[in-house]
Protein backbone atom coordinates (compact mmCIF):
# COMPACT_ATOMS: atom_id res chain seq x y z
CA UNK A 1 24.83 19.01 -1.00
CA UNK A 2 21.76 17.61 -2.70
CA UNK A 3 18.53 19.53 -2.87
CA UNK A 4 15.86 17.22 -1.45
CA UNK A 5 12.24 18.14 -1.88
CA UNK A 6 9.04 17.19 -0.11
CA UNK A 7 7.60 15.13 -2.98
CA UNK A 8 8.68 11.61 -1.91
CA UNK A 9 7.78 12.36 1.70
CA UNK A 10 4.31 13.53 0.73
CA UNK A 11 3.82 10.51 -1.52
CA UNK A 12 4.95 8.17 1.26
CA UNK A 13 2.66 9.73 3.84
CA UNK A 14 -0.32 9.56 1.48
CA UNK A 15 0.48 5.94 0.68
CA UNK A 16 0.66 5.00 4.36
CA UNK A 17 -2.55 6.87 5.17
CA UNK A 18 -4.33 5.11 2.28
CA UNK A 19 -2.99 1.64 3.11
CA UNK A 20 -3.43 1.58 6.88
CA UNK A 21 -7.25 1.45 6.93
CA UNK A 22 -7.25 -1.36 4.37
CA UNK A 23 -4.82 -3.45 6.39
CA UNK A 24 -6.64 -2.81 9.67
CA UNK A 25 -10.01 -3.44 8.00
CA UNK A 26 -8.73 -6.72 6.56
CA UNK A 27 -7.55 -7.84 9.98
CA UNK A 28 -10.94 -6.88 11.44
CA UNK A 29 -12.68 -8.95 8.74
CA UNK A 30 -10.54 -11.96 9.66
CA UNK A 31 -11.53 -11.55 13.31
CA UNK A 32 -15.21 -11.24 12.40
CA UNK A 33 -14.97 -14.26 10.09
CA UNK A 34 -13.37 -16.36 12.80
CA UNK A 35 -16.06 -15.27 15.25
CA UNK A 36 -18.76 -16.26 12.77
CA UNK A 37 -17.06 -19.62 12.22
CA UNK A 38 -17.02 -20.09 15.99
CA UNK A 39 -20.74 -19.39 16.09
CA UNK A 40 -21.16 -22.03 13.41
CA UNK A 41 -19.43 -24.59 15.60
CA UNK A 42 -21.61 -23.63 18.56
CA UNK A 43 -24.78 -23.92 16.47
CA UNK A 44 -23.64 -27.33 15.23
CA UNK A 45 -23.28 -28.44 18.83
CA UNK A 46 -26.82 -27.28 19.50
CA UNK A 47 -28.22 -29.40 16.66
CA UNK A 48 -28.76 -26.70 14.04
CA UNK A 49 -26.54 -28.10 11.29
CA UNK A 50 -27.90 -25.95 8.46
CA UNK A 51 -26.93 -22.77 10.34
CA UNK A 52 -23.42 -24.09 10.77
CA UNK A 53 -23.05 -24.51 7.00
CA UNK A 54 -24.30 -21.00 6.26
CA UNK A 55 -22.03 -19.43 8.86
CA UNK A 56 -19.09 -21.42 7.49
CA UNK A 57 -19.70 -20.07 3.98
CA UNK A 58 -19.96 -16.51 5.31
CA UNK A 59 -16.65 -16.97 7.18
CA UNK A 60 -14.93 -18.21 4.01
CA UNK A 61 -16.26 -15.27 1.99
CA UNK A 62 -15.05 -12.80 4.61
CA UNK A 63 -11.64 -14.46 4.59
CA UNK A 64 -11.49 -14.29 0.80
CA UNK A 65 -12.11 -10.55 0.97
CA UNK A 66 -9.84 -9.94 3.97
CA UNK A 67 -6.63 -11.55 2.70
CA UNK A 68 -6.25 -9.35 -0.41
CA UNK A 69 -7.09 -6.28 1.67
CA UNK A 70 -4.34 -7.11 4.15
CA UNK A 71 -1.80 -7.76 1.39
CA UNK A 72 -2.59 -4.59 -0.57
CA UNK A 73 -2.64 -2.49 2.60
CA UNK A 74 0.68 -3.94 3.78
CA UNK A 75 2.37 -3.28 0.43
CA UNK A 76 1.04 0.30 0.47
CA UNK A 77 2.42 0.83 3.98
CA UNK A 78 5.82 -0.69 3.16
CA UNK A 79 6.02 1.31 -0.05
CA UNK A 80 5.18 4.47 1.88
CA UNK A 81 7.95 3.74 4.36
CA UNK A 82 10.45 3.28 1.55
CA UNK A 83 9.27 6.54 -0.02
CA UNK A 84 9.87 8.33 3.28
CA UNK A 85 13.39 6.88 3.41
CA UNK A 86 13.93 7.65 -0.31
CA UNK A 87 15.10 4.10 -1.01
CA UNK A 88 13.97 1.56 -3.64
CA UNK A 89 11.89 3.73 -5.92
CA UNK A 90 10.24 0.69 -7.51
CA UNK A 91 8.90 -0.52 -4.18
CA UNK A 92 7.76 2.96 -3.24
CA UNK A 93 5.90 3.24 -6.54
CA UNK A 94 4.40 -0.24 -6.12
CA UNK A 95 3.19 0.80 -2.67
CA UNK A 96 1.52 3.90 -4.00
CA UNK A 97 -0.08 1.88 -6.79
CA UNK A 98 -1.39 -0.65 -4.25
CA UNK A 99 -2.79 2.28 -2.27
CA UNK A 100 -4.91 2.93 -5.36
CA UNK A 101 -6.97 -0.16 -4.45
CA UNK A 102 -7.45 1.16 -0.92
CA UNK A 103 -8.27 4.85 -1.25
CA UNK A 104 -7.92 6.19 -4.76
CA UNK A 105 -8.42 9.79 -3.66
CA UNK A 106 -5.16 9.68 -1.70
CA UNK A 107 -3.36 7.21 -3.97
CA UNK A 108 -3.44 9.27 -7.15
CA UNK A 109 -1.46 12.15 -5.59
CA UNK A 110 0.84 9.57 -3.93
CA UNK A 111 1.63 8.01 -7.32
CA UNK A 112 2.27 11.44 -8.82
CA UNK A 113 4.54 12.60 -5.99
CA UNK A 114 6.57 9.38 -5.90
CA UNK A 115 6.93 9.45 -9.68
CA UNK A 116 8.02 13.09 -9.77
CA UNK A 117 10.52 12.51 -6.96
CA UNK A 118 12.22 9.55 -8.68
CA UNK A 119 15.54 11.37 -8.96
CA UNK A 120 15.76 11.64 -5.14
CA UNK A 121 15.76 7.89 -4.54
CA UNK A 122 18.91 5.82 -4.03
């Protein structure tokens, strides 16, 4: 019987906790950006075309920030799930590294724990 430790589980949990706010925050930015774009359309209908252009640019900027946040957060969450299952060490490590872009305070221990627990992965 193999001796399994808590290291990959701890790394996975930290990775998920670090990635979830980034993914949710990215989704919230997309919603806000779409709302702002909608306001731009309404202002265009009310004959304020310059406001429509400004709001369109703001919506594009928010989308440009939101998409990478969603991707990095999703990879951190998936990597954390694989660390919990102790499968695909490379993906678990990639998830903990992506968590570094979300919350570095949680990601550094996640990287360490996943790296130390490499021998427990299938």
